[in-house]
């Protein structure tokens, strides 16, 4: 090995060590954020771990800044556009104005939830047949966003909130998926 190659390898190895130290520092910061009560509740949702919970808390802030679940879904960019003229109404795509990180983490969480029995999976599968995978995934992410708003608003973890909501509405989990 030439001296120049050896020197370049040494520099690259030193850079890797420095980057690994930085990553370890960021990991510990994320883990500290994930210890907050709101983040702990969010981690009860399948598909949301410490990073996802910390990202949701960072992007949403306090839930009280949103007056409704629909307002949070609109902020995330998960509400389809609507065009009306006379007695005709058509729904379009979700558009480009959104909080990219919030929308991304909700869609990522849906990738896990659509494989687990529950209202998000039921909602996804029902729309999958009619609308296709991309539309069904975004619609399921919107449903999850609504659920997150209400569980956070009520101060409940995900399983407890789902049970309480199903009991409140007096329905099964599948019926819960098609409401709201």
Protein backbone atom coordinates (compact mmCIF):
# COMPACT_ATOMS: atom_id res chain seq x y z
CA UNK A 1 0.00 0.00 0.00
CA UNK A 2 1.36 3.41 -0.90
CA UNK A 3 1.87 6.05 1.79
CA UNK A 4 -0.80 8.26 0.17
CA UNK A 5 -3.34 5.40 0.24
CA UNK A 6 -2.48 4.56 3.86
CA UNK A 7 -2.87 8.24 4.84
CA UNK A 8 -6.26 8.43 3.06
CA UNK A 9 -7.47 5.27 4.85
CA UNK A 10 -6.36 6.70 8.21
CA UNK A 11 -8.23 9.95 7.54
CA UNK A 12 -11.39 8.06 6.49
CA UNK A 13 -11.25 5.82 9.58
CA UNK A 14 -10.86 8.84 11.86
CA UNK A 15 -13.85 10.47 10.15
CA UNK A 16 -15.92 7.30 10.69
CA UNK A 17 -15.04 7.28 14.40
CA UNK A 18 -16.03 10.95 14.73
CA UNK A 19 -19.32 10.37 12.89
CA UNK A 20 -20.13 7.35 15.05
CA UNK A 21 -19.63 9.51 18.17
CA UNK A 22 -21.97 12.16 16.75
CA UNK A 23 -24.59 9.52 15.90
CA UNK A 24 -24.37 8.10 19.42
CA UNK A 25 -25.00 11.59 20.82
CA UNK A 26 -28.03 12.07 18.58
CA UNK A 27 -29.35 8.62 19.51
CA UNK A 28 -29.19 9.47 23.20
CA UNK A 29 -30.97 12.80 22.55
CA UNK A 30 -33.77 10.97 20.71
CA UNK A 31 -34.06 8.47 23.55
CA UNK A 32 -34.36 11.35 26.04
CA UNK A 33 -37.13 12.92 23.94
CA UNK A 34 -38.86 9.55 23.76
CA UNK A 35 -39.11 9.46 27.57
CA UNK A 36 -41.71 12.26 27.56
CA UNK A 37 -45.23 11.08 28.48
CA UNK A 38 -46.67 12.05 25.07
CA UNK A 39 -43.94 10.10 23.27
CA UNK A 40 -44.47 7.10 25.55
CA UNK A 41 -48.17 7.04 24.63
CA UNK A 42 -47.36 7.33 20.93
CA UNK A 43 -44.99 4.37 21.16
CA UNK A 44 -47.97 2.15 22.05
CA UNK A 45 -49.01 2.41 18.39
CA UNK A 46 -47.57 -0.52 16.43
CA UNK A 47 -44.96 0.79 13.99
CA UNK A 48 -43.95 3.81 16.08
CA UNK A 49 -40.74 3.46 18.05
CA UNK A 50 -38.61 6.01 19.91
CA UNK A 51 -37.56 7.86 16.73
CA UNK A 52 -41.09 7.99 15.34
CA UNK A 53 -42.57 9.14 18.64
CA UNK A 54 -39.91 11.85 19.04
CA UNK A 55 -40.56 12.99 15.45
CA UNK A 56 -44.32 13.13 16.03
CA UNK A 57 -43.88 15.14 19.24
CA UNK A 58 -41.45 17.50 17.52
CA UNK A 59 -43.65 18.06 14.45
CA UNK A 60 -47.01 18.28 16.23
CA UNK A 61 -45.83 20.16 19.30
CA UNK A 62 -48.74 20.42 21.67
CA UNK A 63 -52.02 18.89 20.57
CA UNK A 64 -53.94 21.89 21.90
CA UNK A 65 -52.72 24.03 18.99
CA UNK A 66 -55.12 22.06 16.77
CA UNK A 67 -58.84 22.63 17.29
CA UNK A 68 -59.87 19.32 15.72
CA UNK A 69 -58.54 16.06 14.38
CA UNK A 70 -59.36 17.25 10.85
CA UNK A 71 -57.14 20.30 11.40
CA UNK A 72 -54.21 18.05 12.37
CA UNK A 73 -54.82 15.85 9.30
CA UNK A 74 -54.84 18.95 7.09
CA UNK A 75 -51.59 20.15 8.70
CA UNK A 76 -50.04 16.76 7.92
CA UNK A 77 -51.22 17.07 4.30
CA UNK A 78 -53.47 14.01 4.43
CA UNK A 79 -56.79 15.60 3.42
CA UNK A 80 -57.83 15.22 -0.23
CA UNK A 81 -58.73 18.33 -2.19
CA UNK A 82 -62.39 18.93 -3.01
CA UNK A 83 -63.76 20.81 -6.00
CA UNK A 84 -67.43 21.70 -6.15
CA UNK A 85 -69.52 23.37 -8.81
CA UNK A 86 -73.29 23.38 -8.59
CA UNK A 87 -74.44 19.94 -7.56
CA UNK A 88 -71.21 18.20 -8.60
CA UNK A 89 -68.36 17.47 -6.19
CA UNK A 90 -65.10 15.74 -7.02
CA UNK A 91 -62.26 14.76 -4.76
CA UNK A 92 -58.66 14.98 -5.88
CA UNK A 93 -55.25 14.16 -4.49
CA UNK A 94 -53.89 15.32 -1.15
CA UNK A 95 -51.86 18.11 -2.75
CA UNK A 96 -48.36 19.34 -2.06
CA UNK A 97 -48.87 21.71 0.90
CA UNK A 98 -48.06 19.62 3.95
CA UNK A 99 -45.70 18.90 6.79
CA UNK A 100 -43.45 16.43 4.96
CA UNK A 101 -41.93 14.83 8.06
CA UNK A 102 -45.28 14.33 9.79
CA UNK A 103 -46.85 12.87 6.67
CA UNK A 104 -43.83 10.61 6.15
CA UNK A 105 -43.83 9.15 9.69
CA UNK A 106 -47.60 8.51 9.56
CA UNK A 107 -47.29 6.69 6.24
CA UNK A 108 -44.37 4.66 7.63
CA UNK A 109 -46.42 3.66 10.68
CA UNK A 110 -49.24 2.55 8.38
CA UNK A 111 -46.83 0.11 6.72
CA UNK A 112 -46.85 -1.83 10.01
CA UNK A 113 -50.49 -1.21 10.97
CA UNK A 114 -51.86 -2.44 7.64
CA UNK A 115 -50.39 -5.87 8.47
CA UNK A 116 -51.94 -6.06 11.97
CA UNK A 117 -55.58 -6.77 12.68
CA UNK A 118 -57.41 -3.61 13.68
CA UNK A 119 -59.30 -0.63 12.34
CA UNK A 120 -56.39 0.82 10.33
CA UNK A 121 -55.84 -2.50 8.54
CA UNK A 122 -59.56 -2.85 7.88
CA UNK A 123 -59.76 0.70 6.50
CA UNK A 124 -56.70 0.10 4.31
CA UNK A 125 -57.97 -3.21 2.91
CA UNK A 126 -61.43 -1.81 2.21
CA UNK A 127 -59.95 1.08 0.20
CA UNK A 128 -57.24 -1.07 -1.42
CA UNK A 129 -59.83 -2.92 -3.49
CA UNK A 130 -61.56 0.27 -4.61
CA UNK A 131 -58.77 2.87 -4.88
CA UNK A 132 -55.41 1.09 -5.13
CA UNK A 133 -52.38 0.89 -2.86
CA UNK A 134 -51.12 4.54 -2.84
CA UNK A 135 -54.53 6.05 -2.15
CA UNK A 136 -55.39 3.40 0.43
CA UNK A 137 -52.08 3.99 2.24
CA UNK A 138 -52.60 7.76 2.43
CA UNK A 139 -56.21 7.28 3.56
CA UNK A 140 -55.07 4.87 6.28
CA UNK A 141 -52.42 7.40 7.35
CA UNK A 142 -55.16 10.02 7.62
CA UNK A 143 -57.22 7.63 9.76
CA UNK A 144 -54.17 7.03 11.99
CA UNK A 145 -53.64 10.80 12.24
CA UNK A 146 -57.22 11.23 13.47
CA UNK A 147 -56.70 8.45 16.01
CA UNK A 148 -53.46 10.05 17.22
CA UNK A 149 -55.22 13.38 17.72
CA UNK A 150 -57.96 11.85 19.85
CA UNK A 151 -55.75 9.50 21.89
CA UNK A 152 -53.34 12.38 22.59
CA UNK A 153 -56.24 14.73 23.34
CA UNK A 154 -57.76 12.19 25.76
CA UNK A 155 -54.38 11.26 27.28
CA UNK A 156 -54.75 7.55 26.50
CA UNK A 157 -52.45 4.96 24.97
CA UNK A 158 -53.45 3.45 21.61
CA UNK A 159 -55.02 0.12 22.74
CA UNK A 160 -56.92 1.80 25.59
CA UNK A 161 -58.19 4.57 23.31
CA UNK A 162 -59.34 2.09 20.65
CA UNK A 163 -61.26 0.06 23.24
CA UNK A 164 -62.80 3.18 24.79
CA UNK A 165 -63.78 4.55 21.39
CA UNK A 166 -65.32 1.29 20.23
CA UNK A 167 -67.30 1.12 23.50
CA UNK A 168 -68.32 4.79 23.24
CA UNK A 169 -69.56 4.39 19.69
CA UNK A 170 -70.99 0.96 20.50
CA UNK A 171 -69.39 -0.81 17.59
CA UNK A 172 -66.73 -3.28 16.54
CA UNK A 173 -63.20 -2.26 15.55
CA UNK A 174 -64.14 -2.68 11.86
CA UNK A 175 -67.06 -0.28 12.21
CA UNK A 176 -64.74 2.12 14.04
CA UNK A 177 -62.45 2.04 10.99
CA UNK A 178 -65.19 3.20 8.66
CA UNK A 179 -66.31 6.07 10.90
CA UNK A 180 -64.53 9.39 11.52
